[in-house]
Structure formats: C-alpha cells, structure tokens
N, C-alpha and C. Protein backbone atom coordinates (compact mmCIF):
# COMPACT_ATOMS: atom_id res chain seq x y z
N UNK A 1 69.23 85.10 237.76
CA UNK A 1 68.72 85.30 239.11
C UNK A 1 68.71 83.98 239.90
N UNK A 2 68.74 84.10 241.20
CA UNK A 2 68.68 82.94 242.07
C UNK A 2 67.20 82.61 242.31
N UNK A 3 66.79 81.43 241.86
CA UNK A 3 65.41 80.99 242.00
C UNK A 3 65.41 79.58 242.58
N UNK A 4 64.21 79.09 242.91
CA UNK A 4 64.10 77.71 243.38
C UNK A 4 64.71 76.77 242.35
N UNK A 5 64.42 77.04 241.09
CA UNK A 5 64.89 76.17 240.03
C UNK A 5 66.42 76.14 239.95
N UNK A 6 67.07 77.29 240.09
CA UNK A 6 68.53 77.30 240.02
C UNK A 6 69.15 76.52 241.18
N UNK A 7 68.56 76.61 242.37
CA UNK A 7 69.07 75.85 243.51
C UNK A 7 68.80 74.35 243.34
N UNK A 8 67.64 74.00 242.80
CA UNK A 8 67.31 72.58 242.56
C UNK A 8 68.29 71.99 241.56
N UNK A 9 68.59 72.72 240.49
CA UNK A 9 69.56 72.24 239.51
C UNK A 9 70.94 72.06 240.12
N UNK A 10 71.35 73.01 240.98
CA UNK A 10 72.65 72.89 241.65
C UNK A 10 72.69 71.68 242.57
N UNK A 11 71.60 71.43 243.30
CA UNK A 11 71.55 70.28 244.19
C UNK A 11 71.60 68.98 243.40
N UNK A 12 70.87 68.91 242.31
CA UNK A 12 70.89 67.70 241.48
C UNK A 12 72.29 67.46 240.91
N UNK A 13 72.94 68.54 240.49
CA UNK A 13 74.31 68.42 239.97
C UNK A 13 75.27 67.95 241.07
N UNK A 14 75.11 68.47 242.28
CA UNK A 14 75.96 68.07 243.40
C UNK A 14 75.78 66.58 243.71
N UNK A 15 74.55 66.12 243.77
CA UNK A 15 74.26 64.71 244.05
C UNK A 15 74.90 63.83 242.98
N UNK A 16 74.81 64.25 241.73
CA UNK A 16 75.41 63.50 240.63
C UNK A 16 76.93 63.47 240.74
N UNK A 17 77.53 64.64 240.97
CA UNK A 17 79.00 64.75 241.06
C UNK A 17 79.56 63.94 242.22
N UNK A 18 78.80 63.87 243.31
CA UNK A 18 79.24 63.13 244.48
C UNK A 18 78.93 61.63 244.37
N UNK A 19 78.35 61.23 243.26
CA UNK A 19 77.98 59.83 243.01
C UNK A 19 77.08 59.27 244.11
N UNK A 20 76.14 60.08 244.55
CA UNK A 20 75.15 59.62 245.52
C UNK A 20 74.01 59.00 244.72
N UNK A 21 73.70 57.75 245.04
CA UNK A 21 72.73 57.02 244.24
C UNK A 21 71.35 57.03 244.88
N UNK A 22 70.37 57.46 244.12
CA UNK A 22 68.99 57.49 244.62
C UNK A 22 68.46 56.08 244.88
N UNK A 23 67.44 55.97 245.70
CA UNK A 23 66.74 57.05 246.38
C UNK A 23 67.55 57.55 247.57
N UNK A 24 67.40 58.84 247.88
CA UNK A 24 68.21 59.48 248.92
C UNK A 24 67.34 59.97 250.07
N UNK A 25 68.01 60.18 251.19
CA UNK A 25 67.42 60.86 252.34
C UNK A 25 67.85 62.31 252.21
N UNK A 26 66.90 63.22 252.11
CA UNK A 26 67.20 64.62 251.89
C UNK A 26 66.76 65.43 253.10
N UNK A 27 67.69 66.24 253.64
CA UNK A 27 67.41 67.08 254.79
C UNK A 27 67.59 68.54 254.37
N UNK A 28 66.61 69.37 254.71
CA UNK A 28 66.71 70.79 254.40
C UNK A 28 66.35 71.63 255.61
N UNK A 29 67.20 72.61 255.89
CA UNK A 29 67.01 73.49 257.04
C UNK A 29 66.72 74.91 256.56
N UNK A 30 65.68 75.55 257.10
CA UNK A 30 65.30 76.92 256.78
C UNK A 30 65.06 77.06 255.27
N UNK A 31 65.79 77.93 254.60
CA UNK A 31 65.63 78.07 253.15
C UNK A 31 65.94 76.75 252.45
N UNK A 32 66.87 75.99 253.00
CA UNK A 32 67.20 74.68 252.44
C UNK A 32 66.02 73.72 252.47
N UNK A 33 65.11 73.90 253.44
CA UNK A 33 63.90 73.07 253.48
C UNK A 33 62.99 73.38 252.30
N UNK A 34 62.89 74.65 252.00
CA UNK A 34 62.10 75.09 250.84
C UNK A 34 62.70 74.50 249.56
N UNK A 35 64.02 74.60 249.42
CA UNK A 35 64.71 74.07 248.24
C UNK A 35 64.55 72.55 248.17
N UNK A 36 64.67 71.88 249.33
CA UNK A 36 64.51 70.42 249.37
C UNK A 36 63.12 70.01 248.87
N UNK A 37 62.09 70.78 249.24
CA UNK A 37 60.73 70.49 248.78
C UNK A 37 60.63 70.62 247.26
N UNK A 38 61.19 71.68 246.73
CA UNK A 38 61.15 71.86 245.27
C UNK A 38 61.91 70.74 244.56
N UNK A 39 63.04 70.33 245.15
CA UNK A 39 63.80 69.22 244.58
C UNK A 39 62.97 67.94 244.60
N UNK A 40 62.33 67.67 245.74
CA UNK A 40 61.52 66.46 245.88
C UNK A 40 60.34 66.45 244.92
N UNK A 41 59.76 67.60 244.66
CA UNK A 41 58.64 67.66 243.70
C UNK A 41 59.13 67.39 242.28
N UNK A 42 60.30 67.91 241.96
CA UNK A 42 60.82 67.74 240.60
C UNK A 42 61.42 66.36 240.38
N UNK A 43 62.04 65.81 241.43
CA UNK A 43 62.72 64.53 241.31
C UNK A 43 62.20 63.54 242.35
N UNK A 44 60.90 63.36 242.40
CA UNK A 44 60.27 62.49 243.41
C UNK A 44 60.86 61.08 243.38
N UNK A 45 61.22 60.61 242.21
CA UNK A 45 61.78 59.26 242.07
C UNK A 45 63.16 59.13 242.73
N UNK A 46 63.79 60.24 243.07
CA UNK A 46 65.12 60.21 243.69
C UNK A 46 65.06 60.29 245.22
N UNK A 47 63.85 60.43 245.78
CA UNK A 47 63.70 60.66 247.22
C UNK A 47 63.20 59.40 247.92
N UNK A 48 63.89 59.03 248.99
CA UNK A 48 63.44 57.95 249.88
C UNK A 48 62.63 58.56 251.03
N UNK A 49 63.24 59.54 251.69
CA UNK A 49 62.59 60.27 252.77
C UNK A 49 63.11 61.70 252.74
N UNK A 50 62.28 62.61 253.24
CA UNK A 50 62.70 64.01 253.31
C UNK A 50 62.43 64.52 254.72
N UNK A 51 63.41 65.26 255.26
CA UNK A 51 63.28 65.84 256.59
C UNK A 51 63.44 67.35 256.46
N UNK A 52 62.44 68.07 256.92
CA UNK A 52 62.43 69.53 256.86
C UNK A 52 62.59 70.08 258.27
N UNK A 53 63.58 70.95 258.45
CA UNK A 53 63.82 71.54 259.76
C UNK A 53 63.52 73.03 259.65
N UNK A 54 62.44 73.44 260.28
CA UNK A 54 61.98 74.84 260.25
C UNK A 54 62.08 75.47 258.86
N UNK A 55 61.45 74.86 257.86
CA UNK A 55 61.57 75.41 256.51
C UNK A 55 60.86 76.75 256.36
N UNK A 56 61.38 77.57 255.48
CA UNK A 56 60.76 78.88 255.25
C UNK A 56 59.40 78.70 254.59
N UNK A 57 58.53 79.64 254.88
CA UNK A 57 57.17 79.60 254.32
C UNK A 57 56.81 80.90 253.61
N UNK A 58 57.65 81.92 253.75
CA UNK A 58 57.33 83.22 253.19
C UNK A 58 56.39 84.03 254.06
N UNK A 59 55.86 83.41 255.11
CA UNK A 59 54.90 84.07 255.99
C UNK A 59 55.56 84.71 257.20
N UNK A 60 56.85 84.59 257.34
CA UNK A 60 57.51 85.04 258.56
C UNK A 60 58.26 86.37 258.40
N UNK A 61 58.28 86.91 257.20
CA UNK A 61 59.04 88.14 256.98
C UNK A 61 58.16 89.37 257.21
N UNK A 62 58.75 90.41 257.79
CA UNK A 62 57.98 91.64 258.02
C UNK A 62 57.46 92.23 256.70
N UNK A 63 56.24 92.71 256.73
CA UNK A 63 55.62 93.29 255.53
C UNK A 63 56.39 94.50 255.02
N UNK A 64 57.07 95.21 255.92
CA UNK A 64 57.83 96.40 255.52
C UNK A 64 58.95 96.05 254.54
N UNK A 65 59.43 94.81 254.60
CA UNK A 65 60.52 94.41 253.70
C UNK A 65 60.04 94.19 252.27
N UNK A 66 58.74 94.26 252.07
CA UNK A 66 58.19 94.12 250.72
C UNK A 66 58.70 95.22 249.79
N UNK A 67 59.17 96.30 250.36
CA UNK A 67 59.69 97.41 249.55
C UNK A 67 60.87 96.95 248.69
N UNK A 68 61.59 95.91 249.14
CA UNK A 68 62.71 95.39 248.37
C UNK A 68 62.24 94.72 247.07
N UNK A 69 60.95 94.48 246.94
CA UNK A 69 60.40 93.84 245.74
C UNK A 69 60.26 94.82 244.57
N UNK A 70 60.33 96.10 244.82
CA UNK A 70 60.15 97.11 243.77
C UNK A 70 61.36 97.06 242.83
N UNK A 71 61.12 96.88 241.52
CA UNK A 71 62.24 96.81 240.57
C UNK A 71 63.17 98.03 240.68
N UNK A 72 64.44 97.80 240.55
CA UNK A 72 65.53 98.77 240.60
C UNK A 72 65.63 99.42 241.98
N UNK A 73 64.59 100.12 242.41
CA UNK A 73 64.60 100.77 243.71
C UNK A 73 64.82 99.74 244.82
N UNK A 74 64.24 98.57 244.68
CA UNK A 74 64.39 97.52 245.69
C UNK A 74 65.84 97.16 245.92
N UNK A 75 66.61 96.99 244.83
CA UNK A 75 68.02 96.63 244.98
C UNK A 75 68.82 97.78 245.60
N UNK A 76 68.51 99.00 245.20
CA UNK A 76 69.20 100.16 245.78
C UNK A 76 68.95 100.22 247.29
N UNK A 77 67.69 100.07 247.68
CA UNK A 77 67.34 100.10 249.10
C UNK A 77 67.97 98.92 249.85
N UNK A 78 67.96 97.75 249.22
CA UNK A 78 68.59 96.57 249.82
C UNK A 78 70.08 96.84 250.06
N UNK A 79 70.74 97.43 249.08
CA UNK A 79 72.17 97.74 249.20
C UNK A 79 72.45 98.69 250.35
N UNK A 80 71.55 99.63 250.54
CA UNK A 80 71.74 100.63 251.59
C UNK A 80 71.38 100.08 252.97
N UNK A 81 70.26 99.35 253.06
CA UNK A 81 69.71 98.99 254.36
C UNK A 81 69.89 97.53 254.78
N UNK A 82 70.43 96.68 253.92
CA UNK A 82 70.50 95.25 254.26
C UNK A 82 71.32 95.00 255.52
N UNK A 83 72.39 95.76 255.71
CA UNK A 83 73.21 95.56 256.91
C UNK A 83 72.41 95.89 258.18
N UNK A 84 71.66 96.97 258.15
CA UNK A 84 70.86 97.36 259.32
C UNK A 84 69.74 96.35 259.58
N UNK A 85 69.10 95.88 258.51
CA UNK A 85 68.03 94.88 258.65
C UNK A 85 68.62 93.60 259.24
N UNK A 86 69.78 93.17 258.73
CA UNK A 86 70.43 91.98 259.22
C UNK A 86 70.85 92.17 260.69
N UNK A 87 71.37 93.32 261.01
CA UNK A 87 71.81 93.59 262.38
C UNK A 87 70.63 93.47 263.36
N UNK A 88 69.49 94.03 263.00
CA UNK A 88 68.30 93.92 263.86
C UNK A 88 67.90 92.47 264.06
N UNK A 89 67.94 91.69 262.98
CA UNK A 89 67.59 90.28 263.07
C UNK A 89 68.57 89.50 263.91
N UNK A 90 69.85 89.76 263.74
CA UNK A 90 70.88 89.03 264.48
C UNK A 90 70.82 89.35 265.97
N UNK A 91 70.49 90.58 266.31
CA UNK A 91 70.37 90.94 267.72
C UNK A 91 69.26 90.14 268.40
N UNK A 92 68.23 89.76 267.64
CA UNK A 92 67.15 88.92 268.18
C UNK A 92 67.63 87.49 268.36
N UNK A 93 68.50 87.03 267.47
CA UNK A 93 68.93 85.63 267.48
C UNK A 93 70.00 85.39 268.53
N UNK A 94 71.05 86.20 268.50
CA UNK A 94 72.18 86.03 269.42
C UNK A 94 72.05 87.02 270.57
N UNK A 95 71.85 86.51 271.77
CA UNK A 95 71.77 87.41 272.91
C UNK A 95 73.17 87.79 273.40
N UNK A 96 74.16 86.99 273.06
CA UNK A 96 75.54 87.24 273.47
C UNK A 96 76.19 88.21 272.47
N UNK A 97 76.62 89.40 272.94
CA UNK A 97 77.24 90.38 272.04
C UNK A 97 78.49 89.86 271.33
N UNK A 98 79.21 88.95 271.97
CA UNK A 98 80.42 88.38 271.33
C UNK A 98 80.03 87.55 270.10
N UNK A 99 78.94 86.78 270.21
CA UNK A 99 78.46 86.00 269.07
C UNK A 99 78.01 86.93 267.94
N UNK A 100 77.35 88.02 268.30
CA UNK A 100 76.93 89.01 267.29
C UNK A 100 78.14 89.56 266.57
N UNK A 101 79.17 89.88 267.33
CA UNK A 101 80.38 90.46 266.75
C UNK A 101 81.04 89.49 265.77
N UNK A 102 81.17 88.24 266.17
CA UNK A 102 81.77 87.22 265.29
C UNK A 102 80.95 87.08 264.01
N UNK A 103 79.63 87.05 264.16
CA UNK A 103 78.77 86.93 262.97
C UNK A 103 79.00 88.10 262.03
N UNK A 104 79.03 89.32 262.57
CA UNK A 104 79.16 90.50 261.69
C UNK A 104 80.53 90.61 261.04
N UNK A 105 81.56 90.11 261.68
CA UNK A 105 82.87 90.07 261.03
C UNK A 105 82.79 89.19 259.79
N UNK A 106 82.20 88.00 259.95
CA UNK A 106 82.05 87.08 258.82
C UNK A 106 81.10 87.65 257.76
N UNK A 107 80.02 88.26 258.22
CA UNK A 107 79.04 88.88 257.31
C UNK A 107 79.72 89.93 256.44
N UNK A 108 80.50 90.81 257.06
CA UNK A 108 81.18 91.87 256.32
C UNK A 108 82.21 91.32 255.34
N UNK A 109 82.89 90.24 255.71
CA UNK A 109 83.83 89.60 254.78
C UNK A 109 83.09 89.07 253.55
N UNK A 110 81.96 88.41 253.79
CA UNK A 110 81.19 87.87 252.67
C UNK A 110 80.63 88.98 251.78
N UNK A 111 80.20 90.06 252.39
CA UNK A 111 79.62 91.16 251.61
C UNK A 111 80.65 91.79 250.66
N UNK A 112 81.93 91.57 250.91
CA UNK A 112 82.97 92.11 250.04
C UNK A 112 83.19 91.24 248.80
N UNK A 113 82.69 90.01 248.82
CA UNK A 113 82.86 89.12 247.68
C UNK A 113 82.01 89.61 246.51
N UNK A 114 82.62 89.63 245.35
CA UNK A 114 81.91 90.10 244.16
C UNK A 114 80.65 89.26 243.92
N UNK A 115 79.54 89.93 243.80
CA UNK A 115 78.28 89.26 243.50
C UNK A 115 77.51 88.74 244.70
N UNK A 116 78.12 88.77 245.88
CA UNK A 116 77.47 88.19 247.05
C UNK A 116 76.21 88.96 247.44
N UNK A 117 76.31 90.28 247.46
CA UNK A 117 75.15 91.09 247.84
C UNK A 117 73.99 90.86 246.86
N UNK A 118 74.32 90.78 245.57
CA UNK A 118 73.27 90.53 244.58
C UNK A 118 72.66 89.13 244.78
N UNK A 119 73.51 88.15 245.10
CA UNK A 119 73.01 86.79 245.32
C UNK A 119 72.02 86.77 246.49
N UNK A 120 72.35 87.47 247.56
CA UNK A 120 71.43 87.55 248.70
C UNK A 120 70.12 88.23 248.30
N UNK A 121 70.26 89.34 247.61
CA UNK A 121 69.08 90.08 247.19
C UNK A 121 68.20 89.23 246.27
N UNK A 122 68.81 88.58 245.31
CA UNK A 122 68.07 87.76 244.35
C UNK A 122 67.36 86.60 245.05
N UNK A 123 68.06 85.97 246.00
CA UNK A 123 67.45 84.88 246.76
C UNK A 123 66.27 85.40 247.57
N UNK A 124 66.46 86.52 248.21
CA UNK A 124 65.38 87.12 248.99
C UNK A 124 64.18 87.43 248.10
N UNK A 125 64.44 88.12 247.02
CA UNK A 125 63.36 88.58 246.15
C UNK A 125 62.63 87.42 245.47
N UNK A 126 63.36 86.42 245.00
CA UNK A 126 62.77 85.34 244.21
C UNK A 126 62.31 84.14 245.00
N UNK A 127 62.75 84.02 246.25
CA UNK A 127 62.39 82.82 247.02
C UNK A 127 61.81 83.16 248.38
N UNK A 128 62.57 83.89 249.18
CA UNK A 128 62.19 84.06 250.58
C UNK A 128 60.87 84.78 250.79
N UNK A 129 60.56 85.73 249.96
CA UNK A 129 59.35 86.50 250.21
C UNK A 129 58.10 85.85 249.60
N UNK A 130 58.29 84.80 248.81
CA UNK A 130 57.14 84.12 248.22
C UNK A 130 56.48 83.20 249.24
N UNK A 131 55.20 83.26 249.31
CA UNK A 131 54.48 82.31 250.15
C UNK A 131 54.65 80.94 249.49
N UNK A 132 54.97 79.94 250.30
CA UNK A 132 55.31 78.65 249.71
C UNK A 132 54.47 77.50 250.24
N UNK A 133 53.33 77.80 250.87
CA UNK A 133 52.51 76.71 251.39
C UNK A 133 52.03 75.77 250.28
N UNK A 134 51.95 76.27 249.05
CA UNK A 134 51.51 75.42 247.94
C UNK A 134 52.44 74.24 247.71
N UNK A 135 53.75 74.43 247.94
CA UNK A 135 54.67 73.31 247.69
C UNK A 135 54.44 72.18 248.68
N UNK A 136 54.04 72.54 249.90
CA UNK A 136 53.80 71.51 250.90
C UNK A 136 52.53 70.72 250.55
N UNK A 137 51.55 71.37 249.98
CA UNK A 137 50.34 70.67 249.52
C UNK A 137 50.68 69.68 248.42
N UNK A 138 51.54 70.10 247.48
CA UNK A 138 51.94 69.20 246.40
C UNK A 138 52.81 68.05 246.92
N UNK A 139 53.60 68.31 247.94
CA UNK A 139 54.47 67.29 248.51
C UNK A 139 53.64 66.16 249.11
N UNK A 140 52.45 66.48 249.61
CA UNK A 140 51.58 65.48 250.22
C UNK A 140 51.12 64.43 249.21
N UNK A 141 51.22 64.72 247.92
CA UNK A 141 50.76 63.79 246.89
C UNK A 141 51.78 62.72 246.53
N UNK A 142 52.92 62.71 247.18
CA UNK A 142 53.97 61.76 246.83
C UNK A 142 54.10 60.67 247.90
N UNK A 143 54.76 59.57 247.52
CA UNK A 143 54.82 58.39 248.38
C UNK A 143 55.92 58.40 249.43
N UNK A 144 56.90 59.27 249.31
CA UNK A 144 57.99 59.24 250.29
C UNK A 144 57.54 59.83 251.63
N UNK A 145 58.22 59.41 252.69
CA UNK A 145 57.92 59.91 254.03
C UNK A 145 58.46 61.32 254.19
N UNK A 146 57.71 62.15 254.93
CA UNK A 146 58.13 63.52 255.20
C UNK A 146 58.16 63.71 256.72
N UNK A 147 59.30 64.19 257.20
CA UNK A 147 59.47 64.50 258.61
C UNK A 147 59.63 66.00 258.75
N UNK A 148 59.02 66.54 259.77
CA UNK A 148 59.08 67.98 260.02
C UNK A 148 59.54 68.19 261.46
N UNK A 149 60.62 68.96 261.61
CA UNK A 149 61.16 69.26 262.94
C UNK A 149 61.15 70.78 263.11
N UNK A 150 60.67 71.23 264.28
CA UNK A 150 60.60 72.67 264.51
C UNK A 150 60.89 72.97 265.98
N UNK A 151 61.68 73.99 266.21
CA UNK A 151 61.96 74.42 267.58
C UNK A 151 60.90 75.41 268.04
N UNK A 152 60.38 75.18 269.22
CA UNK A 152 59.33 76.06 269.73
C UNK A 152 59.87 77.47 269.99
N UNK A 153 61.17 77.60 270.17
CA UNK A 153 61.76 78.92 270.41
C UNK A 153 62.44 79.50 269.18
N UNK A 154 62.11 78.98 268.00
CA UNK A 154 62.74 79.46 266.76
C UNK A 154 62.51 80.95 266.60
N UNK A 155 63.60 81.70 266.46
CA UNK A 155 63.49 83.16 266.33
C UNK A 155 63.57 83.63 264.88
N UNK A 156 63.82 82.72 263.97
CA UNK A 156 63.92 83.08 262.56
C UNK A 156 62.62 82.76 261.83
N UNK A 157 62.24 81.50 261.85
CA UNK A 157 60.98 81.08 261.24
C UNK A 157 60.09 80.63 262.41
N UNK A 158 59.17 81.47 262.81
CA UNK A 158 58.39 81.21 264.04
C UNK A 158 57.68 79.86 264.04
N UNK A 159 57.62 79.28 265.24
CA UNK A 159 56.99 77.98 265.44
C UNK A 159 55.57 77.94 264.88
N UNK A 160 54.84 79.06 264.98
CA UNK A 160 53.44 79.09 264.50
C UNK A 160 53.36 78.75 263.01
N UNK A 161 54.45 78.96 262.27
CA UNK A 161 54.43 78.63 260.84
C UNK A 161 54.42 77.12 260.61
N UNK A 162 54.75 76.35 261.64
CA UNK A 162 54.68 74.89 261.47
C UNK A 162 53.25 74.46 261.17
N UNK A 163 52.29 75.22 261.66
CA UNK A 163 50.87 74.90 261.38
C UNK A 163 50.56 74.96 259.89
N UNK A 164 51.13 75.92 259.19
CA UNK A 164 50.91 76.05 257.75
C UNK A 164 51.30 74.75 257.05
N UNK A 165 52.46 74.25 257.43
CA UNK A 165 52.96 73.04 256.78
C UNK A 165 52.20 71.81 257.26
N UNK A 166 51.94 71.71 258.55
CA UNK A 166 51.20 70.56 259.06
C UNK A 166 49.80 70.48 258.47
N UNK A 167 49.17 71.63 258.24
CA UNK A 167 47.84 71.63 257.62
C UNK A 167 47.90 71.19 256.17
N UNK A 168 49.01 71.48 255.50
CA UNK A 168 49.17 71.10 254.10
C UNK A 168 49.65 69.67 253.96
N UNK A 169 50.45 69.22 254.91
CA UNK A 169 51.07 67.90 254.86
C UNK A 169 50.52 67.03 255.98
N UNK A 170 49.33 66.57 255.84
CA UNK A 170 48.68 65.82 256.92
C UNK A 170 49.43 64.55 257.29
N UNK A 171 50.14 63.98 256.32
CA UNK A 171 50.81 62.70 256.60
C UNK A 171 52.23 62.85 257.12
N UNK A 172 52.69 64.07 257.38
CA UNK A 172 54.06 64.22 257.86
C UNK A 172 54.18 63.79 259.34
N UNK A 173 55.38 63.37 259.69
CA UNK A 173 55.68 63.05 261.08
C UNK A 173 56.29 64.31 261.67
N UNK A 174 55.66 64.83 262.72
CA UNK A 174 56.05 66.13 263.26
C UNK A 174 56.72 65.98 264.62
N UNK A 175 57.85 66.66 264.78
CA UNK A 175 58.55 66.71 266.06
C UNK A 175 58.75 68.16 266.45
N UNK A 176 58.27 68.55 267.62
CA UNK A 176 58.58 69.89 268.12
C UNK A 176 59.63 69.73 269.21
N UNK A 177 60.60 70.62 269.19
CA UNK A 177 61.68 70.54 270.19
C UNK A 177 61.85 71.88 270.88
C-alpha cells in the first residue's frame, strides 16, 4: 500500500540517487507537504530548511468520502465514483471549461495505466483522509526552519486549515498570498 513511509523511503532513495548532499532545503506542496514533514521527522539531520505550500491536513475532505475507507466496498465504490468525485472537484478549481477538458484527457490517460487507480485509492485511504496535525506538532521540536505558504483563495486545501498548522508550529514563518 501507499503510505507516508513508502513515500518517505522513495524520497530518501531519490535524494541519494541524485547525489544531493544533506543538509537540504525541502519543499512540499499539498500532499507533498505532508510527505515532506514525515521525511523531516524521520531524517531531521538531513534537513536545513523546510517549506510547506498548502500542505494537506486531512481536515479538508468531505465527510461523505469516508465511505471509501470501508474495506473492499471502499475500493469498489472508489472505482465506480472516483471520476465523478474528481470531476466535481476540478469544476471548482478550473473555471475555464477548456482547462477542465485538458485535465480530464490527461486524467483518463493516467487511469488506463495498470495500477494507477489502486495507487490513487491507496494514497487517499492511507494518507489523505488521516488527520495530520500531529506531525506539525512534532515538527516544532526540531531545529530547522519551517516556512509555510498558503493562498487565501486555495480551492483544494482551504486557507482556514493554515490555522491548524500555525497553531501546531508556533515558530514557523508564515506567508499568505
């Protein structure tokens, strides 16, 4: 399954393969911000500074989507309804119908790749729906600098969620845009 740990291991392997020498500046956007935090907690000695851009908190997803958490049935429902759920979300993000169309062409191409739908489902089930404010509290215990950037008009991870992180990470430098 796709978990925080599997993504952290992949990121560590990538940094090693690319011969990037710690300490590093790590930037994570949305789900990547969540993964960056887990990486920083596990490999604090490898981090110089971390910048989180609208990281996921698990608090922004509709409660109705919790049905995807039900074993077996969750995956069946995800397989049937994920396109419609994604379409509703994309219509909120892209006001231009042409941009929506381009996104869905690419989305449909990816959905044809073997294992892609399961990877999305597994990531959703094991990471996205988990409340993650605890990781930000643990991040506050480390010596590296933490920067937090959030758009006030963010339609994916609402700006109000920045409070969750700011309350947990009192020493972060916060920029709203």
